[in-house]
Amino acid sequence: QVQLVESGGGLVQPGGSLRLSCAASGSIFSLNVMAWYRQAPGKQREWIAQIAGGGNTAYADSVKGRFTISRDNVKNTVYLEMNSLKPEDTAVYFCYAQIPHVWGQGTQVTVSS
């Protein structure tokens, strides 16, 4: 079983940076595809980034070049570094583990001046 706990959200000004963390429990973390999603008010949950166990990454066009996903398989933690933040990045950000299809509870990111 995998449990995910996100942290690091908060209020940041446009153009600023923030780093989110997702701490995972479970013995299969190192083999898991991990991902970040986000959900803005009134919108569908959106996939934004993923990372495979071997380190291969992929990004949604909306965040490509600004966000970086990484993982530490020893610490059982996945990160999302967010740079050049825009107001439209405001959302609840969720960590996701493909196996066994588990979501974290989310952390709020608000980009506003």
PDB file of N, CA and C in Angstrom:
ATOM      1  N   GLN A   1       0.834  -1.179   0.000  1.00  0.00           N
ATOM      2  CA  GLN A   1       0.000   0.000   0.000  1.00  0.00           C
ATOM      3  C   GLN A   1       0.883   1.248   0.000  1.00  0.00           C
ATOM      4  N   VAL A   2       0.447   2.268  -0.720  1.00  0.00           N
ATOM      5  CA  VAL A   2       1.155   3.532  -0.825  1.00  0.00           C
ATOM      6  C   VAL A   2       0.264   4.641  -0.272  1.00  0.00           C
ATOM      7  N   GLN A   3       0.852   5.500   0.550  1.00  0.00           N
ATOM      8  CA  GLN A   3       0.185   6.707   1.023  1.00  0.00           C
ATOM      9  C   GLN A   3       1.047   7.905   0.661  1.00  0.00           C
ATOM     10  N   LEU A   4       0.404   8.990   0.244  1.00  0.00           N
ATOM     11  CA  LEU A   4       1.097  10.169  -0.239  1.00  0.00           C
ATOM     12  C   LEU A   4       0.674  11.393   0.561  1.00  0.00           C
ATOM     13  N   VAL A   5       1.644  12.218   0.947  1.00  0.00           N
ATOM     14  CA  VAL A   5       1.378  13.447   1.677  1.00  0.00           C
ATOM     15  C   VAL A   5       2.139  14.583   1.011  1.00  0.00           C
ATOM     16  N   GLU A   6       1.396  15.545   0.467  1.00  0.00           N
ATOM     17  CA  GLU A   6       2.007  16.702  -0.183  1.00  0.00           C
ATOM     18  C   GLU A   6       2.282  17.804   0.830  1.00  0.00           C
ATOM     19  N   SER A   7       3.287  18.620   0.526  1.00  0.00           N
ATOM     20  CA  SER A   7       3.590  19.789   1.331  1.00  0.00           C
ATOM     21  C   SER A   7       4.309  20.811   0.465  1.00  0.00           C
ATOM     22  N   GLY A   8       4.424  22.026   0.971  1.00  0.00           N
ATOM     23  CA  GLY A   8       5.174  23.062   0.291  1.00  0.00           C
ATOM     24  C   GLY A   8       4.345  24.103  -0.424  1.00  0.00           C
ATOM     25  N   GLY A   9       3.048  23.934  -0.450  1.00  0.00           N
ATOM     26  CA  GLY A   9       2.202  24.922  -1.091  1.00  0.00           C
ATOM     27  C   GLY A   9       2.141  26.210  -0.294  1.00  0.00           C
ATOM     28  N   GLY A  10       1.604  27.242  -0.929  1.00  0.00           N
ATOM     29  CA  GLY A  10       1.484  28.522  -0.272  1.00  0.00           C
ATOM     30  C   GLY A  10       1.176  29.622  -1.250  1.00  0.00           C
ATOM     31  N   LEU A  11       1.350  30.846  -0.792  1.00  0.00           N
ATOM     32  CA  LEU A  11       1.101  32.043  -1.583  1.00  0.00           C
ATOM     33  C   LEU A  11       2.413  32.571  -2.133  1.00  0.00           C
ATOM     34  N   VAL A  12       2.447  32.831  -3.427  1.00  0.00           N
ATOM     35  CA  VAL A  12       3.651  33.339  -4.072  1.00  0.00           C
ATOM     36  C   VAL A  12       3.256  34.376  -5.111  1.00  0.00           C
ATOM     37  N   GLN A  13       4.121  35.350  -5.331  1.00  0.00           N
ATOM     38  CA  GLN A  13       3.855  36.387  -6.318  1.00  0.00           C
ATOM     39  C   GLN A  13       4.126  35.878  -7.724  1.00  0.00           C
ATOM     40  N   PRO A  14       3.460  36.450  -8.729  1.00  0.00           N
ATOM     41  CA  PRO A  14       3.770  36.086 -10.109  1.00  0.00           C
ATOM     42  C   PRO A  14       5.255  36.245 -10.402  1.00  0.00           C
ATOM     43  N   GLY A  15       5.809  35.266 -11.109  1.00  0.00           N
ATOM     44  CA  GLY A  15       7.226  35.253 -11.404  1.00  0.00           C
ATOM     45  C   GLY A  15       8.064  34.572 -10.348  1.00  0.00           C
ATOM     46  N   GLY A  16       7.460  34.242  -9.228  1.00  0.00           N
ATOM     47  CA  GLY A  16       8.174  33.597  -8.146  1.00  0.00           C
ATOM     48  C   GLY A  16       8.307  32.105  -8.335  1.00  0.00           C
ATOM     49  N   SER A  17       8.886  31.465  -7.327  1.00  0.00           N
ATOM     50  CA  SER A  17       9.155  30.033  -7.369  1.00  0.00           C
ATOM     51  C   SER A  17       8.649  29.358  -6.109  1.00  0.00           C
ATOM     52  N   LEU A  18       8.380  28.078  -6.241  1.00  0.00           N
ATOM     53  CA  LEU A  18       7.915  27.275  -5.127  1.00  0.00           C
ATOM     54  C   LEU A  18       8.313  25.832  -5.397  1.00  0.00           C
ATOM     55  N   ARG A  19       8.623  25.091  -4.338  1.00  0.00           N
ATOM     56  CA  ARG A  19       8.934  23.677  -4.482  1.00  0.00           C
ATOM     57  C   ARG A  19       7.982  22.854  -3.632  1.00  0.00           C
ATOM     58  N   LEU A  20       7.287  21.945  -4.282  1.00  0.00           N
ATOM     59  CA  LEU A  20       6.384  21.036  -3.612  1.00  0.00           C
ATOM     60  C   LEU A  20       7.081  19.708  -3.343  1.00  0.00           C
ATOM     61  N   SER A  21       6.692  19.069  -2.251  1.00  0.00           N
ATOM     62  CA  SER A  21       7.204  17.756  -1.907  1.00  0.00           C
ATOM     63  C   SER A  21       6.046  16.795  -1.725  1.00  0.00           C
ATOM     64  N   CYS A  22       6.289  15.549  -2.045  1.00  0.00           N
ATOM     65  CA  CYS A  22       5.318  14.484  -1.844  1.00  0.00           C
ATOM     66  C   CYS A  22       6.041  13.328  -1.185  1.00  0.00           C
ATOM     67  N   ALA A  23       5.738  13.105   0.076  1.00  0.00           N
ATOM     68  CA  ALA A  23       6.345  12.014   0.824  1.00  0.00           C
ATOM     69  C   ALA A  23       5.476  10.778   0.700  1.00  0.00           C
ATOM     70  N   ALA A  24       6.080   9.683   0.295  1.00  0.00           N
ATOM     71  CA  ALA A  24       5.348   8.450   0.039  1.00  0.00           C
ATOM     72  C   ALA A  24       5.769   7.360   1.006  1.00  0.00           C
ATOM     73  N   SER A  25       4.798   6.619   1.463  1.00  0.00           N
ATOM     74  CA  SER A  25       5.055   5.400   2.215  1.00  0.00           C
ATOM     75  C   SER A  25       4.737   4.213   1.317  1.00  0.00           C
ATOM     76  N   GLY A  26       5.425   3.112   1.555  1.00  0.00           N
ATOM     77  CA  GLY A  26       5.207   1.937   0.736  1.00  0.00           C
ATOM     78  C   GLY A  26       6.497   1.430   0.135  1.00  0.00           C
ATOM     79  N   SER A  27       6.621   0.139   0.042  1.00  0.00           N
ATOM     80  CA  SER A  27       7.872  -0.474  -0.373  1.00  0.00           C
ATOM     81  C   SER A  27       8.109  -0.443  -1.869  1.00  0.00           C
ATOM     82  N   ILE A  28       7.108  -0.073  -2.658  1.00  0.00           N
ATOM     83  CA  ILE A  28       7.247  -0.092  -4.111  1.00  0.00           C
ATOM     84  C   ILE A  28       7.497   1.287  -4.703  1.00  0.00           C
ATOM     85  N   PHE A  29       7.820   2.271  -3.877  1.00  0.00           N
ATOM     86  CA  PHE A  29       7.989   3.627  -4.376  1.00  0.00           C
ATOM     87  C   PHE A  29       9.007   3.708  -5.507  1.00  0.00           C
ATOM     88  N   SER A  30      10.146   3.048  -5.349  1.00  0.00           N
ATOM     89  CA  SER A  30      11.220   3.169  -6.328  1.00  0.00           C
ATOM     90  C   SER A  30      10.851   2.608  -7.690  1.00  0.00           C
ATOM     91  N   LEU A  31       9.842   1.761  -7.752  1.00  0.00           N
ATOM     92  CA  LEU A  31       9.410   1.154  -9.000  1.00  0.00           C
ATOM     93  C   LEU A  31       8.209   1.859  -9.616  1.00  0.00           C
ATOM     94  N   ASN A  32       7.682   2.845  -8.925  1.00  0.00           N
ATOM     95  CA  ASN A  32       6.429   3.461  -9.301  1.00  0.00           C
ATOM     96  C   ASN A  32       6.631   4.644 -10.242  1.00  0.00           C
ATOM     97  N   VAL A  33       5.719   4.789 -11.183  1.00  0.00           N
ATOM     98  CA  VAL A  33       5.598   6.055 -11.903  1.00  0.00           C
ATOM     99  C   VAL A  33       4.866   7.033 -10.984  1.00  0.00           C
ATOM    100  N   MET A  34       5.476   8.192 -10.748  1.00  0.00           N
ATOM    101  CA  MET A  34       4.894   9.222  -9.906  1.00  0.00           C
ATOM    102  C   MET A  34       4.544  10.423 -10.767  1.00  0.00           C
ATOM    103  N   ALA A  35       3.516  11.136 -10.368  1.00  0.00           N
ATOM    104  CA  ALA A  35       3.056  12.261 -11.167  1.00  0.00           C
ATOM    105  C   ALA A  35       2.514  13.366 -10.287  1.00  0.00           C
ATOM    106  N   TRP A  36       2.467  14.553 -10.855  1.00  0.00           N
ATOM    107  CA  TRP A  36       1.784  15.687 -10.262  1.00  0.00           C
ATOM    108  C   TRP A  36       0.619  16.083 -11.146  1.00  0.00           C
ATOM    109  N   TYR A  37      -0.502  16.337 -10.511  1.00  0.00           N
ATOM    110  CA  TYR A  37      -1.683  16.883 -11.148  1.00  0.00           C
ATOM    111  C   TYR A  37      -2.069  18.163 -10.424  1.00  0.00           C
ATOM    112  N   ARG A  38      -2.941  18.935 -11.041  1.00  0.00           N
ATOM    113  CA  ARG A  38      -3.482  20.100 -10.366  1.00  0.00           C
ATOM    114  C   ARG A  38      -4.928  20.292 -10.762  1.00  0.00           C
ATOM    115  N   GLN A  39      -5.658  20.960  -9.896  1.00  0.00           N
ATOM    116  CA  GLN A  39      -7.053  21.237 -10.155  1.00  0.00           C
ATOM    117  C   GLN A  39      -7.369  22.655  -9.701  1.00  0.00           C
ATOM    118  N   ALA A  40      -7.699  23.498 -10.663  1.00  0.00           N
ATOM    119  CA  ALA A  40      -8.104  24.864 -10.386  1.00  0.00           C
ATOM    120  C   ALA A  40      -9.598  24.902 -10.119  1.00  0.00           C
ATOM    121  N   PRO A  41     -10.078  25.936  -9.432  1.00  0.00           N
ATOM    122  CA  PRO A  41     -11.512  26.022  -9.135  1.00  0.00           C
ATOM    123  C   PRO A  41     -12.363  25.938 -10.394  1.00  0.00           C
ATOM    124  N   GLY A  42     -13.349  25.058 -10.372  1.00  0.00           N
ATOM    125  CA  GLY A  42     -14.264  24.915 -11.486  1.00  0.00           C
ATOM    126  C   GLY A  42     -13.715  24.187 -12.692  1.00  0.00           C
ATOM    127  N   LYS A  43     -12.518  23.616 -12.582  1.00  0.00           N
ATOM    128  CA  LYS A  43     -11.900  22.946 -13.711  1.00  0.00           C
ATOM    129  C   LYS A  43     -11.603  21.484 -13.394  1.00  0.00           C
ATOM    130  N   GLN A  44     -11.366  20.711 -14.447  1.00  0.00           N
ATOM    131  CA  GLN A  44     -11.003  19.314 -14.305  1.00  0.00           C
ATOM    132  C   GLN A  44      -9.578  19.190 -13.779  1.00  0.00           C
ATOM    133  N   ARG A  45      -9.314  18.077 -13.123  1.00  0.00           N
ATOM    134  CA  ARG A  45      -7.962  17.806 -12.680  1.00  0.00           C
ATOM    135  C   ARG A  45      -7.065  17.600 -13.898  1.00  0.00           C
ATOM    136  N   GLU A  46      -5.918  18.254 -13.899  1.00  0.00           N
ATOM    137  CA  GLU A  46      -5.026  18.308 -15.042  1.00  0.00           C
ATOM    138  C   GLU A  46      -3.692  17.635 -14.718  1.00  0.00           C
ATOM    139  N   TRP A  47      -3.267  16.714 -15.563  1.00  0.00           N
ATOM    140  CA  TRP A  47      -1.936  16.150 -15.452  1.00  0.00           C
ATOM    141  C   TRP A  47      -0.904  17.177 -15.865  1.00  0.00           C
ATOM    142  N   ILE A  48       0.166  17.329 -15.075  1.00  0.00           N
ATOM    143  CA  ILE A  48       1.169  18.322 -15.409  1.00  0.00           C
ATOM    144  C   ILE A  48       2.584  17.747 -15.519  1.00  0.00           C
ATOM    145  N   ALA A  49       2.880  16.663 -14.831  1.00  0.00           N
ATOM    146  CA  ALA A  49       4.236  16.122 -14.895  1.00  0.00           C
ATOM    147  C   ALA A  49       4.255  14.707 -14.362  1.00  0.00           C
ATOM    148  N   GLN A  50       5.216  13.906 -14.839  1.00  0.00           N
ATOM    149  CA  GLN A  50       5.396  12.562 -14.317  1.00  0.00           C
ATOM    150  C   GLN A  50       6.851  12.185 -14.393  1.00  0.00           C
ATOM    151  N   ILE A  51       7.216  11.208 -13.568  1.00  0.00           N
ATOM    152  CA  ILE A  51       8.581  10.709 -13.561  1.00  0.00           C
ATOM    153  C   ILE A  51       8.549   9.210 -13.317  1.00  0.00           C
ATOM    154  N   ALA A  52       9.263   8.470 -14.138  1.00  0.00           N
ATOM    155  CA  ALA A  52       9.371   7.029 -14.001  1.00  0.00           C
ATOM    156  C   ALA A  52      10.450   6.687 -12.983  1.00  0.00           C
ATOM    157  N   GLY A  53      10.471   5.417 -12.584  1.00  0.00           N
ATOM    158  CA  GLY A  53      11.450   4.987 -11.600  1.00  0.00           C
ATOM    159  C   GLY A  53      12.883   5.232 -12.028  1.00  0.00           C
ATOM    160  N   GLY A  54      13.150   5.106 -13.331  1.00  0.00           N
ATOM    161  CA  GLY A  54      14.473   5.334 -13.854  1.00  0.00           C
ATOM    162  C   GLY A  54      14.820   6.789 -14.091  1.00  0.00           C
ATOM    163  N   GLY A  55      13.864   7.695 -13.884  1.00  0.00           N
ATOM    164  CA  GLY A  55      14.132   9.112 -13.989  1.00  0.00           C
ATOM    165  C   GLY A  55      13.610   9.802 -15.234  1.00  0.00           C
ATOM    166  N   ASN A  56      13.032   9.070 -16.171  1.00  0.00           N
ATOM    167  CA  ASN A  56      12.464   9.703 -17.357  1.00  0.00           C
ATOM    168  C   ASN A  56      11.274  10.571 -16.967  1.00  0.00           C
ATOM    169  N   THR A  57      11.202  11.759 -17.544  1.00  0.00           N
ATOM    170  CA  THR A  57      10.176  12.730 -17.186  1.00  0.00           C
ATOM    171  C   THR A  57       9.370  13.160 -18.397  1.00  0.00           C
ATOM    172  N   ALA A  58       8.181  13.679 -18.117  1.00  0.00           N
ATOM    173  CA  ALA A  58       7.329  14.255 -19.143  1.00  0.00           C
ATOM    174  C   ALA A  58       6.518  15.371 -18.518  1.00  0.00           C
ATOM    175  N   TYR A  59       6.155  16.375 -19.327  1.00  0.00           N
ATOM    176  CA  TYR A  59       5.468  17.549 -18.834  1.00  0.00           C
ATOM    177  C   TYR A  59       4.341  17.954 -19.756  1.00  0.00           C
ATOM    178  N   ALA A  60       3.317  18.528 -19.158  1.00  0.00           N
ATOM    179  CA  ALA A  60       2.270  19.147 -19.943  1.00  0.00           C
ATOM    180  C   ALA A  60       2.790  20.429 -20.575  1.00  0.00           C
ATOM    181  N   ASP A  61       2.228  20.793 -21.715  1.00  0.00           N
ATOM    182  CA  ASP A  61       2.658  22.008 -22.397  1.00  0.00           C
ATOM    183  C   ASP A  61       2.501  23.247 -21.519  1.00  0.00           C
ATOM    184  N   SER A  62       1.514  23.244 -20.653  1.00  0.00           N
ATOM    185  CA  SER A  62       1.240  24.406 -19.832  1.00  0.00           C
ATOM    186  C   SER A  62       2.349  24.722 -18.836  1.00  0.00           C
ATOM    187  N   VAL A  63       3.169  23.726 -18.495  1.00  0.00           N
ATOM    188  CA  VAL A  63       4.221  23.932 -17.506  1.00  0.00           C
ATOM    189  C   VAL A  63       5.609  23.643 -18.049  1.00  0.00           C
ATOM    190  N   LYS A  64       5.704  23.158 -19.258  1.00  0.00           N
ATOM    191  CA  LYS A  64       6.987  22.778 -19.840  1.00  0.00           C
ATOM    192  C   LYS A  64       7.943  23.964 -19.853  1.00  0.00           C
ATOM    193  N   GLY A  65       9.158  23.727 -19.389  1.00  0.00           N
ATOM    194  CA  GLY A  65      10.160  24.773 -19.325  1.00  0.00           C
ATOM    195  C   GLY A  65      10.139  25.576 -18.050  1.00  0.00           C
ATOM    196  N   ARG A  66       9.083  25.447 -17.255  1.00  0.00           N
ATOM    197  CA  ARG A  66       8.975  26.190 -16.009  1.00  0.00           C
ATOM    198  C   ARG A  66       9.015  25.289 -14.782  1.00  0.00           C
ATOM    199  N   PHE A  67       8.460  24.084 -14.910  1.00  0.00           N
ATOM    200  CA  PHE A  67       8.376  23.145 -13.788  1.00  0.00           C
ATOM    201  C   PHE A  67       9.346  21.995 -14.002  1.00  0.00           C
ATOM    202  N   THR A  68       9.867  21.459 -12.908  1.00  0.00           N
ATOM    203  CA  THR A  68      10.754  20.304 -12.953  1.00  0.00           C
ATOM    204  C   THR A  68      10.324  19.288 -11.906  1.00  0.00           C
ATOM    205  N   ILE A  69      10.085  18.057 -12.341  1.00  0.00           N
ATOM    206  CA  ILE A  69       9.760  16.978 -11.427  1.00  0.00           C
ATOM    207  C   ILE A  69      11.013  16.151 -11.177  1.00  0.00           C
ATOM    208  N   SER A  70      11.193  15.718  -9.946  1.00  0.00           N
ATOM    209  CA  SER A  70      12.330  14.884  -9.597  1.00  0.00           C
ATOM    210  C   SER A  70      11.921  13.939  -8.479  1.00  0.00           C
ATOM    211  N   ARG A  71      12.764  12.952  -8.200  1.00  0.00           N
ATOM    212  CA  ARG A  71      12.447  12.003  -7.140  1.00  0.00           C
ATOM    213  C   ARG A  71      13.705  11.558  -6.433  1.00  0.00           C
ATOM    214  N   ASP A  72      13.538  11.198  -5.178  1.00  0.00           N
ATOM    215  CA  ASP A  72      14.595  10.625  -4.361  1.00  0.00           C
ATOM    216  C   ASP A  72      14.061   9.295  -3.864  1.00  0.00           C
ATOM    217  N   ASN A  73      14.549   8.214  -4.445  1.00  0.00           N
ATOM    218  CA  ASN A  73      14.023   6.895  -4.118  1.00  0.00           C
ATOM    219  C   ASN A  73      14.464   6.405  -2.743  1.00  0.00           C
ATOM    220  N   VAL A  74      15.512   7.009  -2.182  1.00  0.00           N
ATOM    221  CA  VAL A  74      15.935   6.657  -0.832  1.00  0.00           C
ATOM    222  C   VAL A  74      15.016   7.311   0.189  1.00  0.00           C
ATOM    223  N   LYS A  75      14.683   8.574  -0.044  1.00  0.00           N
ATOM    224  CA  LYS A  75      13.789   9.301   0.850  1.00  0.00           C
ATOM    225  C   LYS A  75      12.321   9.047   0.564  1.00  0.00           C
ATOM    226  N   ASN A  76      12.032   8.320  -0.506  1.00  0.00           N
ATOM    227  CA  ASN A  76      10.645   8.059  -0.901  1.00  0.00           C
ATOM    228  C   ASN A  76       9.874   9.367  -1.079  1.00  0.00           C
ATOM    229  N   THR A  77      10.473  10.283  -1.807  1.00  0.00           N
ATOM    230  CA  THR A  77       9.896  11.606  -1.986  1.00  0.00           C
ATOM    231  C   THR A  77      10.000  12.033  -3.444  1.00  0.00           C
ATOM    232  N   VAL A  78       8.938  12.633  -3.944  1.00  0.00           N
ATOM    233  CA  VAL A  78       8.936  13.231  -5.267  1.00  0.00           C
ATOM    234  C   VAL A  78       8.740  14.734  -5.101  1.00  0.00           C
ATOM    235  N   TYR A  79       9.375  15.510  -5.958  1.00  0.00           N
ATOM    236  CA  TYR A  79       9.359  16.962  -5.856  1.00  0.00           C
ATOM    237  C   TYR A  79       8.827  17.586  -7.134  1.00  0.00           C
ATOM    238  N   LEU A  80       8.300  18.773  -6.994  1.00  0.00           N
ATOM    239  CA  LEU A  80       7.935  19.586  -8.137  1.00  0.00           C
ATOM    240  C   LEU A  80       8.457  20.992  -7.900  1.00  0.00           C
ATOM    241  N   GLU A  81       9.486  21.369  -8.652  1.00  0.00           N
ATOM    242  CA  GLU A  81      10.016  22.721  -8.594  1.00  0.00           C
ATOM    243  C   GLU A  81       9.287  23.571  -9.614  1.00  0.00           C
ATOM    244  N   MET A  82       8.685  24.643  -9.155  1.00  0.00           N
ATOM    245  CA  MET A  82       7.884  25.504 -10.001  1.00  0.00           C
ATOM    246  C   MET A  82       8.545  26.872 -10.069  1.00  0.00           C
ATOM    247  N   ASN A  83       8.864  27.294 -11.265  1.00  0.00           N
ATOM    248  CA  ASN A  83       9.487  28.587 -11.503  1.00  0.00           C
ATOM    249  C   ASN A  83       8.623  29.433 -12.429  1.00  0.00           C
ATOM    250  N   SER A  84       8.893  30.725 -12.444  1.00  0.00           N
ATOM    251  CA  SER A  84       8.160  31.657 -13.300  1.00  0.00           C
ATOM    252  C   SER A  84       6.653  31.462 -13.162  1.00  0.00           C
ATOM    253  N   LEU A  85       6.199  31.419 -11.942  1.00  0.00           N
ATOM    254  CA  LEU A  85       4.799  31.118 -11.682  1.00  0.00           C
ATOM    255  C   LEU A  85       3.879  32.220 -12.188  1.00  0.00           C
ATOM    256  N   LYS A  86       2.736  31.787 -12.681  1.00  0.00           N
ATOM    257  CA  LYS A  86       1.722  32.671 -13.233  1.00  0.00           C
ATOM    258  C   LYS A  86       0.438  32.544 -12.424  1.00  0.00           C
ATOM    259  N   PRO A  87      -0.405  33.565 -12.446  1.00  0.00           N
ATOM    260  CA  PRO A  87      -1.688  33.442 -11.736  1.00  0.00           C
ATOM    261  C   PRO A  87      -2.492  32.220 -12.162  1.00  0.00           C
ATOM    262  N   GLU A  88      -2.395  31.830 -13.420  1.00  0.00           N
ATOM    263  CA  GLU A  88      -3.133  30.669 -13.896  1.00  0.00           C
ATOM    264  C   GLU A  88      -2.589  29.347 -13.365  1.00  0.00           C
ATOM    265  N   ASP A  89      -1.458  29.381 -12.673  1.00  0.00           N
ATOM    266  CA  ASP A  89      -0.949  28.195 -11.999  1.00  0.00           C
ATOM    267  C   ASP A  89      -1.649  27.949 -10.667  1.00  0.00           C
ATOM    268  N   THR A  90      -2.464  28.884 -10.234  1.00  0.00           N
ATOM    269  CA  THR A  90      -3.186  28.736  -8.982  1.00  0.00           C
ATOM    270  C   THR A  90      -4.086  27.514  -9.037  1.00  0.00           C
ATOM    271  N   ALA A  91      -3.912  26.605  -8.086  1.00  0.00           N
ATOM    272  CA  ALA A  91      -4.661  25.355  -8.070  1.00  0.00           C
ATOM    273  C   ALA A  91      -4.279  24.577  -6.822  1.00  0.00           C
ATOM    274  N   VAL A  92      -5.032  23.519  -6.582  1.00  0.00           N
ATOM    275  CA  VAL A  92      -4.604  22.513  -5.625  1.00  0.00           C
ATOM    276  C   VAL A  92      -3.757  21.503  -6.379  1.00  0.00           C
ATOM    277  N   TYR A  93      -2.572  21.242  -5.881  1.00  0.00           N
ATOM    278  CA  TYR A  93      -1.641  20.327  -6.534  1.00  0.00           C
ATOM    279  C   TYR A  93      -1.655  18.990  -5.818  1.00  0.00           C
ATOM    280  N   PHE A  94      -1.808  17.927  -6.613  1.00  0.00           N
ATOM    281  CA  PHE A  94      -1.942  16.574  -6.090  1.00  0.00           C
ATOM    282  C   PHE A  94      -0.792  15.694  -6.558  1.00  0.00           C
ATOM    283  N   CYS A  95      -0.270  14.910  -5.659  1.00  0.00           N
ATOM    284  CA  CYS A  95       0.692  13.871  -5.981  1.00  0.00           C
ATOM    285  C   CYS A  95      -0.061  12.586  -6.307  1.00  0.00           C
ATOM    286  N   TYR A  96       0.489  11.789  -7.218  1.00  0.00           N
ATOM    287  CA  TYR A  96      -0.179  10.580  -7.672  1.00  0.00           C
ATOM    288  C   TYR A  96       0.831   9.462  -7.861  1.00  0.00           C
ATOM    289  N   ALA A  97       0.468   8.285  -7.390  1.00  0.00           N
ATOM    290  CA  ALA A  97       1.255   7.080  -7.610  1.00  0.00           C
ATOM    291  C   ALA A  97       0.469   6.135  -8.497  1.00  0.00           C
ATOM    292  N   GLN A  98       1.083   5.708  -9.596  1.00  0.00           N
ATOM    293  CA  GLN A  98       0.388   4.835 -10.541  1.00  0.00           C
ATOM    294  C   GLN A  98      -0.007   3.511  -9.903  1.00  0.00           C
ATOM    295  N   ILE A  99       0.875   2.941  -9.112  1.00  0.00           N
ATOM    296  CA  ILE A  99       0.607   1.703  -8.405  1.00  0.00           C
ATOM    297  C   ILE A  99       0.611   1.992  -6.913  1.00  0.00           C
ATOM    298  N   PRO A 100      -0.521   1.823  -6.236  1.00  0.00           N
ATOM    299  CA  PRO A 100      -1.782   1.238  -6.716  1.00  0.00           C
ATOM    300  C   PRO A 100      -2.879   2.265  -6.994  1.00  0.00           C
ATOM    301  N   HIS A 101      -2.600   3.239  -7.839  1.00  0.00           N
ATOM    302  CA  HIS A 101      -3.570   4.271  -8.184  1.00  0.00           C
ATOM    303  C   HIS A 101      -4.006   5.041  -6.929  1.00  0.00           C
ATOM    304  N   VAL A 102      -3.049   5.719  -6.323  1.00  0.00           N
ATOM    305  CA  VAL A 102      -3.270   6.434  -5.073  1.00  0.00           C
ATOM    306  C   VAL A 102      -2.986   7.923  -5.252  1.00  0.00           C
ATOM    307  N   TRP A 103      -3.850   8.745  -4.681  1.00  0.00           N
ATOM    308  CA  TRP A 103      -3.717  10.198  -4.688  1.00  0.00           C
ATOM    309  C   TRP A 103      -3.372  10.728  -3.306  1.00  0.00           C
ATOM    310  N   GLY A 104      -2.573  11.791  -3.269  1.00  0.00           N
ATOM    311  CA  GLY A 104      -2.431  12.545  -2.051  1.00  0.00           C
ATOM    312  C   GLY A 104      -3.632  13.440  -1.841  1.00  0.00           C
ATOM    313  N   GLN A 105      -3.655  14.149  -0.725  1.00  0.00           N
ATOM    314  CA  GLN A 105      -4.787  15.003  -0.393  1.00  0.00           C
ATOM    315  C   GLN A 105      -4.697  16.391  -1.005  1.00  0.00           C
ATOM    316  N   GLY A 106      -3.545  16.761  -1.508  1.00  0.00           N
ATOM    317  CA  GLY A 106      -3.380  18.016  -2.203  1.00  0.00           C
ATOM    318  C   GLY A 106      -2.794  19.113  -1.339  1.00  0.00           C
ATOM    319  N   THR A 107      -2.130  20.065  -1.993  1.00  0.00           N
ATOM    320  CA  THR A 107      -1.599  21.247  -1.338  1.00  0.00           C
ATOM    321  C   THR A 107      -1.912  22.463  -2.204  1.00  0.00           C
ATOM    322  N   GLN A 108      -2.384  23.518  -1.572  1.00  0.00           N
ATOM    323  CA  GLN A 108      -2.837  24.700  -2.296  1.00  0.00           C
ATOM    324  C   GLN A 108      -1.661  25.570  -2.711  1.00  0.00           C
ATOM    325  N   VAL A 109      -1.653  25.952  -3.980  1.00  0.00           N
ATOM    326  CA  VAL A 109      -0.701  26.923  -4.508  1.00  0.00           C
ATOM    327  C   VAL A 109      -1.493  28.107  -5.038  1.00  0.00           C
ATOM    328  N   THR A 110      -1.206  29.281  -4.524  1.00  0.00           N
ATOM    329  CA  THR A 110      -1.878  30.497  -4.965  1.00  0.00           C
ATOM    330  C   THR A 110      -0.839  31.477  -5.476  1.00  0.00           C
ATOM    331  N   VAL A 111      -0.992  31.896  -6.722  1.00  0.00           N
ATOM    332  CA  VAL A 111      -0.071  32.845  -7.349  1.00  0.00           C
ATOM    333  C   VAL A 111      -0.827  34.153  -7.538  1.00  0.00           C
ATOM    334  N   SER A 112      -0.459  35.143  -6.770  1.00  0.00           N
ATOM    335  CA  SER A 112      -1.187  36.404  -6.788  1.00  0.00           C
ATOM    336  C   SER A 112      -0.301  37.521  -6.257  1.00  0.00           C
ATOM    337  N   SER A 113      -0.497  38.710  -6.795  1.00  0.00           N
ATOM    338  CA  SER A 113       0.191  39.884  -6.298  1.00  0.00           C
ATOM    339  C   SER A 113      -0.667  40.662  -5.315  1.00  0.00           C
TER     340      SER A 113
END
